[in-house]
Amino acid sequence: MVSLGCPKNLVDAEVMLGVLSKQDYEITMDEKDADVIIVNTCSFIKEAKQESIDAILDLAERKHDGKCHTLIVSGCLPQRYQEELAKELPEVDIFIGTGDYPRIAEILAEKSGVEGQLRYVGDPDFIYDETLPRLNSSPAWFSYLKIGEGCSNCCSYCIIPQLRGAYRSRPLDALVAEAERLVARGVKEINVISQDITRYGSDMHDGTTLESLVKRLAAIEGLRWIRLLYAYPDGITDSMIALIRDEPKVCKYLDIPIQHIADPVLKAMKRRSSEQQIRDLIAKLRLEIPGIALRTSLIVGFPGETLEDFTNLTHFVEQTRFDRLGVFCFSREEGTPAAEMPDQISERVKRERYRKLMRVQARLSFRHNRTLIGTTEQVIVEGYSEETDLLLKGRSSRQAPDIDGQVYITSGNADIGDIVTLKITDSSDYDLIGEMVEE
């Protein structure tokens, strides 16, 4: 199994692995030993589509120099391009969309003895429940908890609602039961995810909210950290802010994808927050939760983005000093309103603006990390440095897995998966260096 794209995609892949393992399929880490190879794809933006195609073509070679007899492509790419893929990729035996992946074992059984390609791409209306097994492929100490599927925000640049359907919340009790199983297996950190976690419960009409879910998760014995990822700014309530502030298990960390700050661009993006509302929210978060780590993502080169708009965005980044920041060049995705907008920005200008913002953020991140020298951080130990096995590495509660920096541990002994206290002694643009201190 190769899973590409976001953690939400990874959870889908883990459900497929869980279903197959229950049907006595043996999971191998070596693609050359695999009889069946699954590529779970992403097609959110142009770069993601290309990465998926490259992976498919690379793994198709295993049908010649390995044991593979069945190549499966699942996820967003076939959901979006099933006809085109079937013509262009004859190497692929089965295509599975975003709503049919739980049927993976049944589909493999149907393929047995059947020549030619099979396609299973229906409406994207599935949401998995607690009856489906899931094989956690993340390190033993952390996992993702996908609390909903789909998206109802309908931003003008985004294809996700077409690929995943409208937002659907998973039942609260089912989520708590899944989290309890994960913790029983050794998970200490749960990262709460969906396309927009603030929407959780809005479709249930029974009073269920993100806050009620997090309170139930916090009551699980043995769970140490709860991290909230992908919170749209207009959905962040005072009660959510209070919960992050007051609940010790909730990391003082919040991922808020604002995408831009200039009002003309926000309006064209069909975002529901204005510049002033975003500025007010960030000020409130930092006032109510001192030391909170804020992450965001931004899009540069959106159609009609003027030099004035971009300058406003740059000044905003300099003033706000996000702890973590990701920047994407606008990707013109067919089927979205933004793809048909006038005043498209050239790729050259997009890249220039991308590079400028990243330089600004690197400088800000370096300065911020220097202010942490001498402070203490709770850090989860994740393994050894790539440079030497004499140096441990980990993440603080202010760093999400895979997307944020790391902490390198220069002294002290701990087992992988332990949460230890570190004194920060040095830093770089994105990483920290520290030594263990006695608790």
Protein backbone atom coordinates (compact mmCIF):
# COMPACT_ATOMS: atom_id res chain seq x y z
CA MET A 1 0.00 0.00 0.00
CA VAL A 2 1.26 3.44 -0.96
CA SER A 3 -0.85 6.30 0.37
CA LEU A 4 -0.31 9.79 -1.05
CA GLY A 5 -1.63 13.17 0.02
CA CYS A 6 -3.05 14.24 3.35
CA PRO A 7 -3.57 12.35 6.64
CA LYS A 8 -7.28 12.07 5.81
CA ASN A 9 -6.27 9.97 2.80
CA LEU A 10 -3.97 7.94 5.04
CA VAL A 11 -6.89 6.96 7.27
CA ASP A 12 -8.76 5.62 4.22
CA ALA A 13 -5.69 3.57 3.33
CA GLU A 14 -5.50 2.23 6.89
CA VAL A 15 -9.14 1.12 6.68
CA MET A 16 -8.37 -0.78 3.48
CA LEU A 17 -5.38 -2.43 5.16
CA GLY A 18 -7.56 -3.33 8.14
CA VAL A 19 -10.23 -4.90 5.93
CA LEU A 20 -7.64 -6.90 4.00
CA SER A 21 -5.82 -8.08 7.12
CA LYS A 22 -9.11 -9.42 8.49
CA GLN A 23 -9.46 -11.44 5.28
CA ASP A 24 -6.06 -13.07 5.88
CA TYR A 25 -4.11 -10.94 3.44
CA GLU A 26 -0.51 -10.53 4.56
CA ILE A 27 0.78 -6.96 4.49
CA THR A 28 4.35 -6.55 3.21
CA MET A 29 6.63 -3.52 3.33
CA ASP A 30 8.53 -4.63 0.21
CA GLU A 31 6.66 -3.87 -3.00
CA LYS A 32 8.64 -6.55 -4.87
CA ASP A 33 7.11 -9.21 -2.62
CA ALA A 34 3.53 -8.00 -3.08
CA ASP A 35 1.01 -9.88 -5.21
CA VAL A 36 -1.35 -6.90 -4.95
CA ILE A 37 -0.23 -3.26 -4.88
CA ILE A 38 -2.61 -0.42 -3.97
CA VAL A 39 -1.87 3.23 -4.70
CA ASN A 40 -4.22 5.48 -2.73
CA THR A 41 -4.09 8.74 -4.63
CA CYS A 42 -4.57 12.49 -4.19
CA SER A 43 -5.73 14.93 -6.88
CA PHE A 44 -6.20 18.11 -4.86
CA ILE A 45 -3.77 20.21 -6.91
CA LYS A 46 -1.61 19.74 -10.01
CA GLU A 47 1.49 18.65 -8.07
CA ALA A 48 -0.51 16.02 -6.16
CA LYS A 49 -1.92 14.61 -9.39
CA GLN A 50 1.54 14.35 -10.91
CA GLU A 51 2.91 12.66 -7.80
CA SER A 52 0.09 10.11 -8.00
CA ILE A 53 0.68 9.39 -11.70
CA ASP A 54 4.43 9.02 -11.13
CA ALA A 55 3.83 6.57 -8.27
CA ILE A 56 1.40 4.50 -10.36
CA LEU A 57 3.82 4.23 -13.28
CA ASP A 58 6.72 3.38 -10.98
CA LEU A 59 4.80 0.64 -9.15
CA ALA A 60 3.45 -0.75 -12.42
CA GLU A 61 7.02 -1.91 -13.07
CA ARG A 62 6.57 -4.45 -10.27
CA LYS A 63 4.27 -6.35 -12.62
CA HIS A 64 7.42 -7.07 -14.65
CA ASP A 65 10.21 -7.33 -12.08
CA GLY A 66 8.24 -8.35 -9.00
CA LYS A 67 5.42 -10.68 -7.97
CA CYS A 68 2.61 -8.18 -8.53
CA HIS A 69 -0.33 -9.45 -10.59
CA THR A 70 -2.91 -6.84 -9.53
CA LEU A 71 -2.36 -3.08 -9.44
CA ILE A 72 -5.13 -1.06 -7.79
CA VAL A 73 -5.54 2.72 -7.92
CA SER A 74 -7.90 4.14 -5.32
CA GLY A 75 -8.98 7.49 -3.91
CA CYS A 76 -9.43 10.95 -5.35
CA LEU A 77 -7.70 10.48 -8.71
CA PRO A 78 -10.05 7.76 -10.05
CA GLN A 79 -13.02 9.50 -8.44
CA ARG A 80 -12.20 12.53 -10.58
CA TYR A 81 -10.71 11.03 -13.75
CA GLN A 82 -11.90 7.44 -14.07
CA GLU A 83 -12.52 7.57 -17.83
CA GLU A 84 -9.22 9.26 -18.65
CA LEU A 85 -7.22 7.00 -16.35
CA ALA A 86 -8.73 3.83 -17.77
CA LYS A 87 -7.53 4.86 -21.24
CA GLU A 88 -4.14 6.23 -20.24
CA LEU A 89 -3.14 3.59 -17.68
CA PRO A 90 -3.80 0.11 -19.08
CA GLU A 91 -1.31 -1.21 -16.50
CA VAL A 92 -3.92 -0.66 -13.78
CA ASP A 93 -6.25 -3.57 -13.06
CA ILE A 94 -8.77 -1.95 -10.70
CA PHE A 95 -9.91 1.63 -10.06
CA ILE A 96 -11.71 2.37 -6.78
CA GLY A 97 -13.29 5.73 -5.91
CA THR A 98 -13.56 7.53 -2.59
CA GLY A 99 -16.85 5.87 -1.68
CA ASP A 100 -16.01 2.24 -2.46
CA TYR A 101 -12.69 1.58 -0.74
CA PRO A 102 -14.21 -0.39 2.21
CA ARG A 103 -15.24 -3.04 -0.34
CA ILE A 104 -11.58 -3.72 -1.16
CA ALA A 105 -11.63 -7.42 -0.18
CA GLU A 106 -14.90 -8.04 -2.03
CA ILE A 107 -13.54 -6.23 -5.10
CA LEU A 108 -10.37 -8.34 -5.11
CA ALA A 109 -12.48 -11.47 -4.95
CA GLU A 110 -14.54 -10.27 -7.92
CA LYS A 111 -11.35 -9.60 -9.89
CA SER A 112 -10.10 -13.16 -9.46
CA GLY A 113 -10.18 -14.86 -12.85
CA VAL A 114 -11.59 -11.79 -14.63
CA GLU A 115 -9.63 -10.27 -17.51
CA GLY A 116 -9.49 -6.54 -18.16
CA GLN A 117 -9.92 -3.49 -15.99
CA LEU A 118 -12.59 -3.17 -13.33
CA ARG A 119 -13.93 0.17 -12.10
CA TYR A 120 -15.75 0.85 -8.85
CA VAL A 121 -16.40 4.58 -8.78
CA GLY A 122 -19.77 5.50 -7.31
CA ASP A 123 -21.15 8.51 -5.48
CA PRO A 124 -18.78 9.82 -2.78
CA ASP A 125 -21.22 9.32 0.07
CA PHE A 126 -19.52 6.69 2.24
CA ILE A 127 -18.29 7.34 5.76
CA TYR A 128 -16.62 4.57 7.68
CA ASP A 129 -17.83 3.48 11.11
CA GLU A 130 -16.59 1.49 14.08
CA THR A 131 -17.52 -1.84 12.47
CA LEU A 132 -14.68 -1.51 9.96
CA PRO A 133 -11.20 -2.53 11.08
CA ARG A 134 -8.32 -0.08 10.72
CA LEU A 135 -4.62 -0.91 10.68
CA ASN A 136 -2.69 2.05 12.10
CA SER A 137 0.34 2.63 9.86
CA SER A 138 1.66 5.60 11.82
CA PRO A 139 4.27 5.08 14.53
CA ALA A 140 2.80 3.34 17.57
CA TRP A 141 2.66 6.49 19.71
CA PHE A 142 0.43 8.67 17.52
CA SER A 143 -2.52 8.35 15.20
CA TYR A 144 -5.08 10.38 13.30
CA LEU A 145 -8.78 10.39 14.15
CA LYS A 146 -10.90 11.36 11.15
CA ILE A 147 -14.09 12.78 12.63
CA GLY A 148 -15.93 13.56 9.41
CA GLU A 149 -15.86 13.11 5.67
CA GLY A 150 -16.46 15.49 2.79
CA CYS A 151 -16.76 19.27 2.83
CA SER A 152 -19.63 21.75 2.56
CA ASN A 153 -17.58 24.95 2.44
CA CYS A 154 -17.40 25.07 -1.39
CA CYS A 155 -14.42 27.41 -1.73
CA SER A 156 -14.12 28.54 -5.34
CA TYR A 157 -10.69 26.94 -5.90
CA CYS A 158 -11.37 23.55 -4.31
CA ILE A 159 -12.45 20.28 -5.91
CA ILE A 160 -12.86 18.35 -2.62
CA PRO A 161 -16.69 18.65 -2.32
CA GLN A 162 -17.00 17.04 -5.76
CA LEU A 163 -14.63 14.22 -4.82
CA ARG A 164 -15.75 13.62 -1.24
CA GLY A 165 -19.33 14.88 -1.06
CA ALA A 166 -20.96 17.12 1.53
CA TYR A 167 -19.67 17.13 5.10
CA ARG A 168 -20.78 14.11 7.16
CA SER A 169 -19.93 13.75 10.85
CA ARG A 170 -19.08 10.39 12.35
CA PRO A 171 -21.08 9.42 15.47
CA LEU A 172 -19.50 10.66 18.68
CA ASP A 173 -19.62 7.31 20.48
CA ALA A 174 -17.98 5.59 17.51
CA LEU A 175 -15.13 8.10 17.55
CA VAL A 176 -14.59 7.68 21.27
CA ALA A 177 -14.57 3.90 20.87
CA GLU A 178 -11.99 4.14 18.08
CA ALA A 179 -9.82 6.47 20.15
CA GLU A 180 -10.02 4.08 23.11
CA ARG A 181 -8.84 1.21 20.91
CA LEU A 182 -5.95 3.30 19.63
CA VAL A 183 -4.88 4.27 23.14
CA ALA A 184 -5.14 0.65 24.28
CA ARG A 185 -2.59 -0.20 21.55
CA GLY A 186 -0.14 2.40 22.84
CA VAL A 187 -1.16 5.64 21.10
CA LYS A 188 -0.38 8.69 23.24
CA GLU A 189 -1.20 11.45 20.75
CA ILE A 190 -4.39 11.74 18.72
CA ASN A 191 -4.57 14.25 15.88
CA VAL A 192 -8.18 15.22 15.18
CA ILE A 193 -8.75 15.73 11.45
CA SER A 194 -11.36 16.30 8.75
CA GLN A 195 -11.69 18.82 5.95
CA ASP A 196 -13.02 21.28 8.56
CA ILE A 197 -13.13 20.06 12.16
CA THR A 198 -15.26 23.04 13.26
CA ARG A 199 -18.15 21.61 11.20
CA TYR A 200 -18.27 18.50 13.35
CA GLY A 201 -21.81 17.81 14.58
CA SER A 202 -23.46 20.50 12.45
CA ASP A 203 -25.27 17.87 10.38
CA MET A 204 -26.40 15.81 13.39
CA HIS A 205 -28.95 18.24 14.86
CA ASP A 206 -28.62 16.71 18.33
CA GLY A 207 -26.31 19.18 20.05
CA THR A 208 -23.11 17.29 19.24
CA THR A 209 -20.15 19.64 18.75
CA LEU A 210 -16.39 19.48 18.39
CA GLU A 211 -16.12 20.60 22.00
CA SER A 212 -18.32 17.75 23.26
CA LEU A 213 -16.18 15.27 21.32
CA VAL A 214 -12.88 16.64 22.62
CA LYS A 215 -14.15 16.52 26.21
CA ARG A 216 -14.97 12.83 25.76
CA LEU A 217 -11.56 12.18 24.23
CA ALA A 218 -9.83 13.99 27.08
CA ALA A 219 -11.45 11.58 29.54
CA ILE A 220 -9.65 8.58 27.99
CA GLU A 221 -7.07 7.28 30.44
CA GLY A 222 -3.60 6.99 28.94
CA LEU A 223 -4.15 9.55 26.19
CA ARG A 224 -1.64 12.37 26.65
CA TRP A 225 -2.06 14.78 23.73
CA ILE A 226 -5.03 15.84 21.59
CA ARG A 227 -4.13 18.01 18.60
CA LEU A 228 -6.69 19.93 16.51
CA LEU A 229 -5.93 20.22 12.78
CA TYR A 230 -7.82 22.03 9.99
CA ALA A 231 -10.06 24.46 11.91
CA TYR A 232 -11.67 27.00 9.58
CA PRO A 233 -11.46 30.48 11.11
CA ASP A 234 -15.18 31.27 10.92
CA GLY A 235 -16.00 28.12 12.91
CA ILE A 236 -13.70 28.78 15.89
CA THR A 237 -15.97 29.66 18.81
CA ASP A 238 -15.32 31.14 22.23
CA SER A 239 -16.13 27.76 23.79
CA MET A 240 -13.55 26.06 21.56
CA ILE A 241 -10.93 28.63 22.55
CA ALA A 242 -11.75 28.07 26.23
CA LEU A 243 -11.43 24.30 25.81
CA ILE A 244 -7.98 24.58 24.23
CA ARG A 245 -6.95 26.93 27.03
CA ASP A 246 -8.34 24.92 29.94
CA GLU A 247 -8.02 21.23 28.98
CA PRO A 248 -4.47 20.03 29.79
CA LYS A 249 -4.55 17.22 27.22
CA VAL A 250 -5.35 19.55 24.32
CA CYS A 251 -2.13 20.79 22.73
CA LYS A 252 -1.77 24.55 22.75
CA TYR A 253 -1.65 24.39 18.98
CA LEU A 254 -4.17 25.20 16.27
CA ASP A 255 -4.06 24.78 12.50
CA ILE A 256 -6.18 27.52 10.89
CA PRO A 257 -6.16 27.53 7.06
CA ILE A 258 -6.89 31.19 6.25
CA GLN A 259 -5.61 31.03 2.60
CA HIS A 260 -5.30 34.83 2.21
CA ILE A 261 -5.87 38.10 4.05
CA ALA A 262 -6.88 40.61 1.34
CA ASP A 263 -10.66 41.03 1.30
CA PRO A 264 -11.00 41.05 -2.53
CA VAL A 265 -9.17 37.72 -2.73
CA LEU A 266 -11.08 36.20 0.21
CA LYS A 267 -14.35 37.17 -1.46
CA ALA A 268 -13.29 35.65 -4.79
CA MET A 269 -12.26 32.49 -2.94
CA LYS A 270 -15.76 32.34 -1.37
CA ARG A 271 -14.25 32.34 2.09
CA ARG A 272 -16.58 33.40 4.87
CA SER A 273 -14.07 35.39 6.95
CA SER A 274 -12.93 38.94 6.29
CA GLU A 275 -9.49 40.40 6.93
CA GLN A 276 -10.65 42.10 10.12
CA GLN A 277 -12.35 38.95 11.42
CA ILE A 278 -9.16 36.95 10.87
CA ARG A 279 -7.01 39.55 12.59
CA ASP A 280 -9.44 39.73 15.52
CA LEU A 281 -9.50 35.93 15.86
CA ILE A 282 -5.71 35.63 15.98
CA ALA A 283 -5.49 38.42 18.54
CA LYS A 284 -8.12 36.69 20.69
CA LEU A 285 -6.38 33.31 20.47
CA ARG A 286 -3.06 34.78 21.58
CA LEU A 287 -4.71 36.76 24.36
CA GLU A 288 -6.75 33.83 25.69
CA ILE A 289 -4.11 31.12 25.19
CA PRO A 290 -0.64 32.55 25.88
CA GLY A 291 2.05 30.64 24.01
CA ILE A 292 -0.32 28.95 21.56
CA ALA A 293 1.38 27.73 18.38
CA LEU A 294 -0.54 28.82 15.28
CA ARG A 295 -0.18 27.17 11.88
CA THR A 296 -1.82 28.34 8.68
CA SER A 297 -1.76 27.75 4.94
CA LEU A 298 -1.81 30.43 2.24
CA ILE A 299 -2.45 30.49 -1.51
CA VAL A 300 -0.52 32.91 -3.71
CA GLY A 301 -1.32 33.74 -7.31
CA PHE A 302 -5.10 33.40 -7.01
CA PRO A 303 -6.86 34.90 -10.07
CA GLY A 304 -7.03 38.66 -9.73
CA GLU A 305 -4.50 38.83 -6.88
CA THR A 306 -2.95 42.26 -7.37
CA LEU A 307 0.45 43.39 -6.23
CA GLU A 308 -1.38 45.37 -3.54
CA ASP A 309 -3.18 42.21 -2.37
CA PHE A 310 0.08 40.27 -2.21
CA THR A 311 1.86 43.10 -0.41
CA ASN A 312 -0.97 43.14 2.13
CA LEU A 313 -0.53 39.40 2.59
CA THR A 314 3.22 39.74 3.05
CA HIS A 315 2.82 42.49 5.63
CA PHE A 316 0.20 40.40 7.43
CA VAL A 317 2.59 37.44 7.66
CA GLU A 318 5.34 39.70 8.98
CA GLN A 319 3.01 41.25 11.57
CA THR A 320 1.29 38.05 12.67
CA ARG A 321 4.40 35.85 12.98
CA PHE A 322 2.77 32.46 12.60
CA ASP A 323 4.67 29.65 14.29
CA ARG A 324 4.19 27.43 11.23
CA LEU A 325 3.13 28.39 7.73
CA GLY A 326 2.64 26.55 4.46
CA VAL A 327 2.38 28.32 1.10
CA PHE A 328 0.84 26.94 -2.10
CA CYS A 329 0.78 28.38 -5.59
CA PHE A 330 -2.78 28.57 -6.92
CA SER A 331 -3.58 25.46 -8.96
CA ARG A 332 -6.12 25.95 -11.75
CA GLU A 333 -8.36 22.93 -11.21
CA GLU A 334 -10.90 22.17 -13.92
CA GLY A 335 -14.43 21.99 -12.58
CA THR A 336 -13.91 24.75 -10.03
CA PRO A 337 -15.21 28.34 -10.38
CA ALA A 338 -11.71 29.74 -9.89
CA ALA A 339 -10.46 27.92 -12.97
CA GLU A 340 -12.76 30.03 -15.14
CA MET A 341 -12.07 33.37 -13.48
CA PRO A 342 -10.45 36.19 -15.46
CA ASP A 343 -7.08 37.68 -14.59
CA GLN A 344 -5.23 34.39 -14.13
CA ILE A 345 -1.72 34.90 -12.73
CA SER A 346 1.32 33.59 -14.62
CA GLU A 347 3.28 30.66 -13.21
CA ARG A 348 6.37 32.85 -13.03
CA VAL A 349 4.64 35.41 -10.80
CA LYS A 350 3.16 32.65 -8.64
CA ARG A 351 6.61 31.16 -8.03
CA GLU A 352 8.11 34.57 -7.26
CA ARG A 353 5.41 35.27 -4.69
CA TYR A 354 5.77 31.79 -3.23
CA ARG A 355 9.51 32.19 -2.79
CA LYS A 356 9.17 35.63 -1.23
CA LEU A 357 6.64 34.45 1.37
CA MET A 358 8.73 31.40 2.23
CA ARG A 359 11.81 33.59 2.73
CA VAL A 360 9.81 35.85 5.03
CA GLN A 361 8.53 32.87 7.02
CA ALA A 362 11.99 31.28 7.32
CA ARG A 363 13.32 34.50 8.81
CA LEU A 364 10.37 34.81 11.21
CA SER A 365 10.60 31.15 12.23
CA PHE A 366 14.31 31.46 12.97
CA ARG A 367 13.73 34.52 15.15
CA HIS A 368 10.86 32.84 16.97
CA ASN A 369 12.84 29.67 17.62
CA ARG A 370 15.67 31.73 19.12
CA THR A 371 13.22 33.08 21.71
CA LEU A 372 12.56 29.49 22.85
CA ILE A 373 16.17 28.93 23.94
CA GLY A 374 16.20 28.42 27.69
CA THR A 375 12.55 27.37 27.87
CA THR A 376 11.30 23.84 28.54
CA GLU A 377 9.11 21.78 26.22
CA GLN A 378 7.28 18.47 26.50
CA VAL A 379 8.64 16.31 23.68
CA ILE A 380 7.59 12.91 22.36
CA VAL A 381 10.65 10.84 21.39
CA GLU A 382 10.26 9.50 17.84
CA GLY A 383 13.56 7.87 16.95
CA TYR A 384 17.16 8.54 16.07
CA SER A 385 18.56 11.33 13.94
CA GLU A 386 19.25 10.49 10.30
CA GLU A 387 22.81 11.77 10.83
CA THR A 388 23.78 9.68 13.87
CA ASP A 389 22.19 7.08 16.11
CA LEU A 390 23.75 8.89 19.07
CA LEU A 391 21.19 11.67 18.70
CA LEU A 392 17.50 11.21 19.46
CA LYS A 393 14.80 13.26 17.78
CA GLY A 394 11.20 14.04 18.59
CA ARG A 395 8.40 16.59 18.45
CA SER A 396 7.11 19.02 21.02
CA SER A 397 3.42 19.47 21.71
CA ARG A 398 3.75 22.56 19.49
CA GLN A 399 4.77 20.49 16.44
CA ALA A 400 2.37 18.33 14.42
CA PRO A 401 3.63 15.11 12.81
CA ASP A 402 5.01 15.22 9.26
CA ILE A 403 4.35 18.93 8.59
CA ASP A 404 6.24 20.80 11.32
CA GLY A 405 9.85 20.81 12.50
CA GLN A 406 11.60 18.49 14.93
CA VAL A 407 13.46 18.65 18.21
CA TYR A 408 16.93 17.05 18.36
CA ILE A 409 17.85 15.66 21.78
CA THR A 410 21.54 15.95 22.67
CA SER A 411 21.58 14.34 26.12
CA GLY A 412 19.56 11.98 28.26
CA ASN A 413 18.08 8.52 27.76
CA ALA A 414 14.53 7.65 26.79
CA ASP A 415 12.60 5.00 24.92
CA ILE A 416 10.99 5.76 21.60
CA GLY A 417 7.43 6.88 22.29
CA ASP A 418 8.24 8.39 25.69
CA ILE A 419 7.17 11.95 26.46
CA VAL A 420 10.02 13.78 28.20
CA THR A 421 10.85 17.30 29.36
CA LEU A 422 13.53 19.12 27.37
CA LYS A 423 15.36 22.36 27.94
CA ILE A 424 15.87 24.09 24.59
CA THR A 425 19.56 24.93 24.07
CA ASP A 426 19.74 25.93 20.39
CA SER A 427 17.64 26.28 17.24
CA SER A 428 17.63 26.59 13.45
CA ASP A 429 15.07 27.96 10.99
CA TYR A 430 12.52 25.25 11.72
CA ASP A 431 14.03 22.83 14.25
CA LEU A 432 14.97 22.97 17.93
CA ILE A 433 17.81 21.38 19.91
CA GLY A 434 17.53 20.47 23.57
CA GLU A 435 18.62 18.31 26.46
CA MET A 436 16.54 16.26 28.85
CA VAL A 437 15.94 17.60 32.32
CA GLU A 438 14.85 15.80 35.45
CA GLU A 439 11.07 15.88 35.96
